[in-house]
C-alpha atoms as a PDB file:
ATOM      1  CA  MET A   1       0.000   0.000   0.000  1.00  0.00           C
ATOM      2  CA  ASP A   2       1.535   3.166  -1.117  1.00  0.00           C
ATOM      3  CA  GLU A   3       1.473   6.529   0.579  1.00  0.00           C
ATOM      4  CA  ARG A   4      -1.440   7.792  -1.500  1.00  0.00           C
ATOM      5  CA  THR A   5      -3.659   4.914  -0.404  1.00  0.00           C
ATOM      6  CA  ARG A   6      -2.891   5.501   3.287  1.00  0.00           C
ATOM      7  CA  ASP A   7      -3.875   9.128   2.979  1.00  0.00           C
ATOM      8  CA  LEU A   8      -7.295   8.141   1.592  1.00  0.00           C
ATOM      9  CA  GLU A   9      -7.989   5.618   4.345  1.00  0.00           C
ATOM     10  CA  THR A  10      -6.970   7.973   7.142  1.00  0.00           C
ATOM     11  CA  PRO A  11     -10.113   9.714   8.671  1.00  0.00           C
ATOM     12  CA  LEU A  12     -10.272  13.393   8.042  1.00  0.00           C
ATOM     13  CA  GLY A  13      -9.842  15.642  11.070  1.00  0.00           C
ATOM     14  CA  PRO A  14     -11.224  19.076  11.646  1.00  0.00           C
ATOM     15  CA  THR A  15     -10.734  21.472   8.820  1.00  0.00           C
ATOM     16  CA  PRO A  16      -9.038  24.812   9.290  1.00  0.00           C
ATOM     17  CA  LEU A  17     -12.463  26.516   9.071  1.00  0.00           C
ATOM     18  CA  GLY A  18     -13.694  24.907  12.309  1.00  0.00           C
ATOM     19  CA  PRO A  19     -15.819  21.963  13.333  1.00  0.00           C
ATOM     20  CA  ALA A  20     -18.515  20.565  11.098  1.00  0.00           C
ATOM     21  CA  PRO A  21     -21.910  22.381  11.312  1.00  0.00           C
ATOM     22  CA  ARG A  22     -24.495  20.829  13.633  1.00  0.00           C
ATOM     23  CA  GLU A  23     -28.074  20.033  12.650  1.00  0.00           C
ATOM     24  CA  PRO A  24     -30.709  22.461  14.042  1.00  0.00           C
ATOM     25  CA  ALA A  25     -32.341  21.244  17.208  1.00  0.00           C
ATOM     26  CA  LYS A  26     -35.959  20.169  16.881  1.00  0.00           C
ATOM     27  CA  ASP A  27     -38.694  22.023  18.845  1.00  0.00           C
ATOM     28  CA  GLY A  28     -39.668  20.395  22.080  1.00  0.00           C
ATOM     29  CA  PRO A  29     -43.236  19.849  23.293  1.00  0.00           C
ATOM     30  CA  THR A  30     -45.428  23.001  23.557  1.00  0.00           C
ATOM     31  CA  PRO A  31     -45.730  24.250  27.148  1.00  0.00           C
ATOM     32  CA  PRO A  32     -49.188  23.588  28.687  1.00  0.00           C
ATOM     33  CA  LEU A  33     -49.980  27.322  29.313  1.00  0.00           C
ATOM     34  CA  LYS A  34     -49.221  28.346  25.762  1.00  0.00           C
ATOM     35  CA  ALA A  35     -51.417  25.579  24.424  1.00  0.00           C
ATOM     36  CA  ALA A  36     -54.220  26.614  26.795  1.00  0.00           C
ATOM     37  CA  ILE A  37     -53.979  30.233  25.600  1.00  0.00           C
ATOM     38  CA  ARG A  38     -54.254  29.096  22.003  1.00  0.00           C
ATOM     39  CA  ARG A  39     -57.319  27.005  22.778  1.00  0.00           C
ATOM     40  CA  ALA A  40     -58.876  29.927  24.685  1.00  0.00           C
ATOM     41  CA  ARG A  41     -58.349  32.252  21.718  1.00  0.00           C
ATOM     42  CA  VAL A  42     -59.953  29.801  19.353  1.00  0.00           C
ATOM     43  CA  GLU A  43     -62.918  29.308  21.676  1.00  0.00           C
ATOM     44  CA  GLU A  44     -63.299  33.058  22.147  1.00  0.00           C
ATOM     45  CA  ALA A  45     -63.347  33.597  18.388  1.00  0.00           C
ATOM     46  CA  GLU A  46     -65.950  30.895  17.945  1.00  0.00           C
ATOM     47  CA  HIS A  47     -67.988  32.312  20.850  1.00  0.00           C
ATOM     48  CA  SER A  48     -67.808  35.824  19.413  1.00  0.00           C
ATOM     49  CA  GLU A  49     -69.012  34.559  16.060  1.00  0.00           C
ATOM     50  CA  VAL A  50     -71.918  32.789  17.743  1.00  0.00           C
ATOM     51  CA  LEU A  51     -72.823  35.906  19.754  1.00  0.00           C
ATOM     52  CA  ALA A  52     -72.668  38.054  16.658  1.00  0.00           C
ATOM     53  CA  GLU A  53     -74.979  35.661  14.837  1.00  0.00           C
ATOM     54  CA  LEU A  54     -77.411  35.559  17.770  1.00  0.00           C
ATOM     55  CA  ARG A  55     -77.368  39.353  18.116  1.00  0.00           C
ATOM     56  CA  GLY A  56     -78.035  39.666  14.419  1.00  0.00           C
ATOM     57  CA  ALA A  57     -80.999  37.321  14.759  1.00  0.00           C
ATOM     58  CA  GLU A  58     -82.357  39.394  17.674  1.00  0.00           C
ATOM     59  CA  LEU A  59     -82.051  42.617  15.715  1.00  0.00           C
ATOM     60  CA  ALA A  60     -83.773  41.077  12.711  1.00  0.00           C
ATOM     61  CA  ARG A  61     -86.728  39.858  14.778  1.00  0.00           C
ATOM     62  CA  LEU A  62     -87.120  43.207  16.559  1.00  0.00           C
ATOM     63  CA  GLU A  63     -86.971  45.072  13.247  1.00  0.00           C
ATOM     64  CA  MET A  64     -89.677  42.759  11.883  1.00  0.00           C
ATOM     65  CA  LEU A  65     -91.872  43.659  14.859  1.00  0.00           C
ATOM     66  CA  GLN A  66     -91.183  47.354  14.321  1.00  0.00           C
ATOM     67  CA  GLU A  67     -92.260  47.092  10.689  1.00  0.00           C
ATOM     68  CA  ALA A  68     -95.441  45.302  11.756  1.00  0.00           C
ATOM     69  CA  LEU A  69     -96.230  48.174  14.150  1.00  0.00           C
ATOM     70  CA  GLU A  70     -95.891  50.921  11.539  1.00  0.00           C
ATOM     71  CA  PRO A  71     -99.637  50.914  10.593  1.00  0.00           C
ATOM     72  CA  VAL A  72    -100.552  51.309  14.265  1.00  0.00           C
ATOM     73  CA  LEU A  73     -98.075  54.145  14.795  1.00  0.00           C
ATOM     74  CA  ALA A  74     -99.373  55.918  11.696  1.00  0.00           C
ATOM     75  CA  GLU A  75    -102.690  56.480  13.518  1.00  0.00           C
ATOM     76  CA  VAL A  76    -101.009  58.254  16.452  1.00  0.00           C
ATOM     77  CA  PRO A  77    -101.317  62.079  16.208  1.00  0.00           C
ATOM     78  CA  GLU A  78     -98.243  63.635  14.635  1.00  0.00           C
ATOM     79  CA  ASN A  79     -97.897  66.361  17.266  1.00  0.00           C
ATOM     80  CA  LEU A  80     -97.774  63.760  20.043  1.00  0.00           C
ATOM     81  CA  ASP A  81     -94.240  63.009  21.238  1.00  0.00           C
ATOM     82  CA  LEU A  82     -95.282  60.377  23.779  1.00  0.00           C
ATOM     83  CA  PHE A  83     -93.995  57.438  21.722  1.00  0.00           C
ATOM     84  CA  ASP A  84     -90.486  57.118  20.324  1.00  0.00           C
ATOM     85  CA  ILE A  85     -90.181  53.786  18.506  1.00  0.00           C
ATOM     86  CA  GLY A  86     -86.651  52.575  17.842  1.00  0.00           C
ATOM     87  CA  VAL A  87     -84.330  49.579  18.150  1.00  0.00           C
ATOM     88  CA  THR A  88     -81.226  49.978  20.306  1.00  0.00           C
ATOM     89  CA  GLN A  89     -78.182  47.994  19.208  1.00  0.00           C
ATOM     90  CA  GLY A  90     -76.157  46.750  22.140  1.00  0.00           C
ATOM     91  CA  ALA A  91     -75.391  43.644  24.114  1.00  0.00           C
ATOM     92  CA  HIS A  92     -79.161  43.190  24.559  1.00  0.00           C
ATOM     93  CA  PRO A  93     -81.064  44.784  21.660  1.00  0.00           C
ATOM     94  CA  ARG A  94     -84.458  46.263  22.549  1.00  0.00           C
ATOM     95  CA  LEU A  95     -87.377  47.794  20.702  1.00  0.00           C
ATOM     96  CA  PHE A  96     -88.501  50.805  22.745  1.00  0.00           C
ATOM     97  CA  ILE A  97     -92.148  51.850  22.487  1.00  0.00           C
ATOM     98  CA  ASP A  98     -91.789  54.807  24.840  1.00  0.00           C
ATOM     99  CA  MET A  99     -89.583  55.785  27.751  1.00  0.00           C
ATOM    100  CA  ILE A 100     -90.867  52.999  30.033  1.00  0.00           C
ATOM    101  CA  GLY A 101     -92.086  50.248  27.679  1.00  0.00           C
ATOM    102  CA  PHE A 102     -89.896  48.051  25.465  1.00  0.00           C
ATOM    103  CA  VAL A 103     -89.717  44.648  23.777  1.00  0.00           C
ATOM    104  CA  GLU A 104     -86.734  42.332  24.027  1.00  0.00           C
ATOM    105  CA  MET A 105     -85.996  38.743  23.021  1.00  0.00           C
ATOM    106  CA  GLY A 106     -85.853  35.821  25.426  1.00  0.00           C
ATOM    107  CA  ARG A 107     -82.845  33.608  25.979  1.00  0.00           C
ATOM    108  CA  ASP A 108     -83.766  31.394  23.052  1.00  0.00           C
ATOM    109  CA  ARG A 109     -83.819  34.489  20.762  1.00  0.00           C
ATOM    110  CA  ARG A 110     -87.301  33.511  19.522  1.00  0.00           C
ATOM    111  CA  LEU A 111     -89.599  34.583  22.340  1.00  0.00           C
ATOM    112  CA  TYR A 112     -90.758  38.215  22.401  1.00  0.00           C
ATOM    113  CA  ARG A 113     -91.043  39.751  25.890  1.00  0.00           C
ATOM    114  CA  PHE A 114     -92.948  43.033  26.322  1.00  0.00           C
ATOM    115  CA  LEU A 115     -91.826  44.729  29.569  1.00  0.00           C
ATOM    116  CA  GLN A 116     -92.590  47.996  31.352  1.00  0.00           C
ATOM    117  CA  ASP A 117     -90.679  49.845  34.079  1.00  0.00           C
ATOM    118  CA  THR A 118     -92.912  51.022  36.941  1.00  0.00           C
ATOM    119  CA  ARG A 119     -92.435  52.496  40.401  1.00  0.00           C
ATOM    120  CA  HIS A 120     -92.717  48.981  41.841  1.00  0.00           C
ATOM    121  CA  GLY A 121     -90.214  47.404  39.445  1.00  0.00           C
ATOM    122  CA  ARG A 122     -90.281  45.869  36.000  1.00  0.00           C
ATOM    123  CA  VAL A 123     -93.465  44.059  34.986  1.00  0.00           C
ATOM    124  CA  LYS A 124     -94.173  41.782  32.038  1.00  0.00           C
ATOM    125  CA  LEU A 125     -97.066  42.884  29.852  1.00  0.00           C
ATOM    126  CA  ALA A 126     -96.974  40.160  27.196  1.00  0.00           C
ATOM    127  CA  GLU A 127     -94.853  37.250  25.999  1.00  0.00           C
ATOM    128  CA  SER A 128     -95.150  35.281  22.759  1.00  0.00           C
ATOM    129  CA  GLU A 129     -93.247  33.942  19.769  1.00  0.00           C
ATOM    130  CA  LYS A 130     -95.836  35.285  17.321  1.00  0.00           C
ATOM    131  CA  ILE A 131     -95.517  38.774  15.920  1.00  0.00           C
ATOM    132  CA  GLU A 132     -99.293  39.128  15.637  1.00  0.00           C
ATOM    133  CA  THR A 133     -99.740  38.590  19.377  1.00  0.00           C
ATOM    134  CA  MET A 134     -97.077  41.166  20.190  1.00  0.00           C
ATOM    135  CA  VAL A 135     -98.585  43.693  17.762  1.00  0.00           C
ATOM    136  CA  LYS A 136    -101.932  43.386  19.558  1.00  0.00           C
ATOM    137  CA  ALA A 137    -100.267  43.749  22.979  1.00  0.00           C
ATOM    138  CA  VAL A 138     -98.350  46.850  21.897  1.00  0.00           C
ATOM    139  CA  THR A 139    -101.477  48.325  20.284  1.00  0.00           C
ATOM    140  CA  ASP A 140    -103.441  47.890  23.517  1.00  0.00           C
ATOM    141  CA  TYR A 141    -100.565  49.465  25.430  1.00  0.00           C
ATOM    142  CA  ILE A 142    -100.509  52.516  23.140  1.00  0.00           C
ATOM    143  CA  ALA A 143    -104.292  52.883  23.471  1.00  0.00           C
ATOM    144  CA  ARG A 144    -104.082  52.832  27.284  1.00  0.00           C
ATOM    145  CA  ARG A 145    -101.317  55.410  27.257  1.00  0.00           C
ATOM    146  CA  LEU A 146    -103.393  57.712  25.035  1.00  0.00           C
ATOM    147  CA  VAL A 147    -106.411  57.406  27.347  1.00  0.00           C
ATOM    148  CA  GLU A 148    -104.218  58.170  30.379  1.00  0.00           C
ATOM    149  CA  ARG A 149    -102.878  61.262  28.613  1.00  0.00           C
ATOM    150  CA  GLU A 150    -106.404  62.482  27.807  1.00  0.00           C
ATOM    151  CA  LYS A 151    -107.465  62.051  31.439  1.00  0.00           C
ATOM    152  CA  ALA A 152    -104.394  63.933  32.655  1.00  0.00           C
ATOM    153  CA  LEU A 153    -105.065  66.810  30.257  1.00  0.00           C
ATOM    154  CA  ALA A 154    -108.722  66.950  31.303  1.00  0.00           C
ATOM    155  CA  ALA A 155    -107.741  67.060  34.973  1.00  0.00           C
ATOM    156  CA  ASP A 156    -105.265  69.873  34.324  1.00  0.00           C
ATOM    157  CA  GLN A 157    -107.866  71.839  32.371  1.00  0.00           C
ATOM    158  CA  THR A 158    -110.465  71.425  35.122  1.00  0.00           C
ATOM    159  CA  ALA A 159    -107.983  72.516  37.781  1.00  0.00           C
ATOM    160  CA  GLY A 160    -107.060  75.583  35.717  1.00  0.00           C
ATOM    161  CA  GLU A 161    -110.660  76.650  35.063  1.00  0.00           C
ATOM    162  CA  ALA A 162    -111.758  76.403  38.721  1.00  0.00           C
ATOM    163  CA  PRO A 163    -110.012  79.651  39.832  1.00  0.00           C
ATOM    164  CA  LYS A 164    -111.241  81.454  36.710  1.00  0.00           C
ATOM    165  CA  ALA A 165    -114.852  80.439  37.437  1.00  0.00           C
ATOM    166  CA  ALA A 166    -114.574  81.503  41.053  1.00  0.00           C
ATOM    167  CA  ALA A 167    -113.155  84.942  40.198  1.00  0.00           C
ATOM    168  CA  PRO A 168    -116.264  86.287  38.329  1.00  0.00           C
ATOM    169  CA  ALA A 169    -118.537  84.957  41.067  1.00  0.00           C
ATOM    170  CA  VAL A 170    -116.610  86.857  43.678  1.00  0.00           C
ATOM    171  CA  ALA A 171    -116.498  89.973  41.503  1.00  0.00           C
ATOM    172  CA  SER A 172    -120.248  89.916  40.788  1.00  0.00           C
ATOM    173  CA  ALA A 173    -121.264  89.338  44.400  1.00  0.00           C
ATOM    174  CA  PRO A 174    -122.878  92.497  45.904  1.00  0.00           C
ATOM    175  CA  VAL A 175    -120.637  94.260  48.329  1.00  0.00           C
ATOM    176  CA  PRO A 176    -122.584  95.059  51.506  1.00  0.00           C
ATOM    177  CA  ALA A 177    -122.577  98.729  52.447  1.00  0.00           C
ATOM    178  CA  PRO A 178    -120.642  99.445  55.598  1.00  0.00           C
ATOM    179  CA  ALA A 179    -123.550 100.439  57.834  1.00  0.00           C
ATOM    180  CA  ALA A 180    -121.438 100.731  60.939  1.00  0.00           C
ATOM    181  CA  ALA A 181    -119.035 103.266  59.431  1.00  0.00           C
ATOM    182  CA  PRO A 182    -121.318 106.378  59.669  1.00  0.00           C
ATOM    183  CA  LYS A 183    -122.250 105.493  63.248  1.00  0.00           C
ATOM    184  CA  MET A 184    -118.606 105.238  64.189  1.00  0.00           C
ATOM    185  CA  ARG A 185    -117.839 108.583  62.548  1.00  0.00           C
ATOM    186  CA  LYS A 186    -120.785 110.245  64.371  1.00  0.00           C
ATOM    187  CA  SER A 187    -119.679 108.782  67.685  1.00  0.00           C
ATOM    188  CA  ARG A 188    -116.190 110.094  67.130  1.00  0.00           C
ATOM    189  CA  GLN A 189    -117.504 113.567  66.334  1.00  0.00           C
ATOM    190  CA  ASP A 190    -119.692 113.585  69.463  1.00  0.00           C
ATOM    191  CA  PHE A 191    -116.766 112.443  71.563  1.00  0.00           C
ATOM    192  CA  ARG A 192    -114.594 115.212  70.184  1.00  0.00           C
ATOM    193  CA  GLN A 193    -117.289 117.800  70.899  1.00  0.00           C
ATOM    194  CA  ILE A 194    -117.719 116.580  74.463  1.00  0.00           C
ATOM    195  CA  LEU A 195    -113.979 116.497  74.976  1.00  0.00           C
ATOM    196  CA  GLY A 196    -113.608 120.044  73.668  1.00  0.00           C
ATOM    197  CA  PHE A 197    -116.414 121.228  75.913  1.00  0.00           C
ATOM    198  CA  MET A 198    -114.808 119.600  78.930  1.00  0.00           C
ATOM    199  CA  ILE A 199    -111.469 121.151  78.115  1.00  0.00           C
ATOM    200  CA  ASP A 200    -113.064 124.569  77.757  1.00  0.00           C
ATOM    201  CA  LEU A 201    -114.961 124.134  80.994  1.00  0.00           C
ATOM    202  CA  LEU A 202    -111.878 123.055  82.896  1.00  0.00           C
ATOM    203  CA  GLY A 203    -109.943 125.945  81.449  1.00  0.00           C
ATOM    204  CA  SER A 204    -112.647 128.399  82.519  1.00  0.00           C
ATOM    205  CA  MET A 205    -112.780 126.907  85.993  1.00  0.00           C
ATOM    206  CA  ALA A 206    -108.999 127.083  86.331  1.00  0.00           C
ATOM    207  CA  LEU A 207    -109.011 130.695  85.200  1.00  0.00           C
ATOM    208  CA  PHE A 208    -111.804 131.536  87.595  1.00  0.00           C
ATOM    209  CA  THR A 209    -109.935 129.849  90.433  1.00  0.00           C
ATOM    210  CA  LEU A 210    -106.798 131.801  89.689  1.00  0.00           C
ATOM    211  CA  VAL A 211    -108.718 135.066  89.553  1.00  0.00           C
ATOM    212  CA  ALA A 212    -110.456 134.303  92.834  1.00  0.00           C
ATOM    213  CA  ALA A 213    -107.193 133.310  94.505  1.00  0.00           C
ATOM    214  CA  GLY A 214    -105.550 136.515  93.266  1.00  0.00           C
ATOM    215  CA  ALA A 215    -108.430 138.649  94.521  1.00  0.00           C
ATOM    216  CA  TYR A 216    -108.380 136.936  97.863  1.00  0.00           C
ATOM    217  CA  TYR A 217    -104.641 137.483  98.121  1.00  0.00           C
ATOM    218  CA  LEU A 218    -105.010 141.161  97.269  1.00  0.00           C
ATOM    219  CA  LEU A 219    -107.802 141.587  99.771  1.00  0.00           C
ATOM    220  CA  THR A 220    -105.691 139.963 102.444  1.00  0.00           C
ATOM    221  CA  LEU A 221    -102.797 142.261 101.702  1.00  0.00           C
ATOM    222  CA  PHE A 222    -105.060 145.318 101.719  1.00  0.00           C
ATOM    223  CA  ALA A 223    -106.585 144.313 105.028  1.00  0.00           C
ATOM    224  CA  ALA A 224    -103.182 143.792 106.555  1.00  0.00           C
ATOM    225  CA  TRP A 225    -101.965 147.183 105.260  1.00  0.00           C
ATOM    226  CA  GLN A 226    -105.028 148.948 106.536  1.00  0.00           C
ATOM    227  CA  ALA A 227    -104.728 147.402 109.988  1.00  0.00           C
ATOM    228  CA  ALA A 228    -101.092 148.429 110.172  1.00  0.00           C
ATOM    229  CA  HIS A 229    -101.900 151.972 109.069  1.00  0.00           C
ATOM    230  CA  HIS A 230    -104.522 152.490 111.787  1.00  0.00           C
ATOM    231  CA  GLN A 231    -102.119 151.492 114.511  1.00  0.00           C
END
């Protein structure tokens, strides 16, 4: 075996460029938390799609009921702002009839529920899967609300006319003549005359007393002077 053959059989060592490149390591098993997060995201996406579909079905059913109520609402007076029909789009879509009455769907998204907010809580007025039944319930509700409004307006009008009716009656009532007034004036005049007379009389008596006292004093002085002169 020559030298060339030995060189071929000898195993090659590391080259001057470095060791031979290694194969990339394979990924290990996915951690449990990361896998759970992925499953949760998938479930959330599927749940969101289901909720969106259910919400869309609710909106469609409520809009169908609103369209069925349009002939009834057309008979309501135009200048009456008591009813404001509209569908609210949210987590729980609702068809509002007025500020306190609304229709929403049940949990199965097929059952209509007509509810009203009162002072004692929320009450259920009607419940059905048929649009015709709900249209009748809403129509009766609108009729009752209109009758209540008419009664309230009549009560306000009656309360406002009562003072107006009482005012002419009071104005037209004869005013009794004050009979006691002349007597009181005459009594006052007589009292003043008597008082003036008394004052004049007292003044005259006082003057007369002073004059008498002065005369008596003068006479006393004259008598004393005369007695002294004779002595």
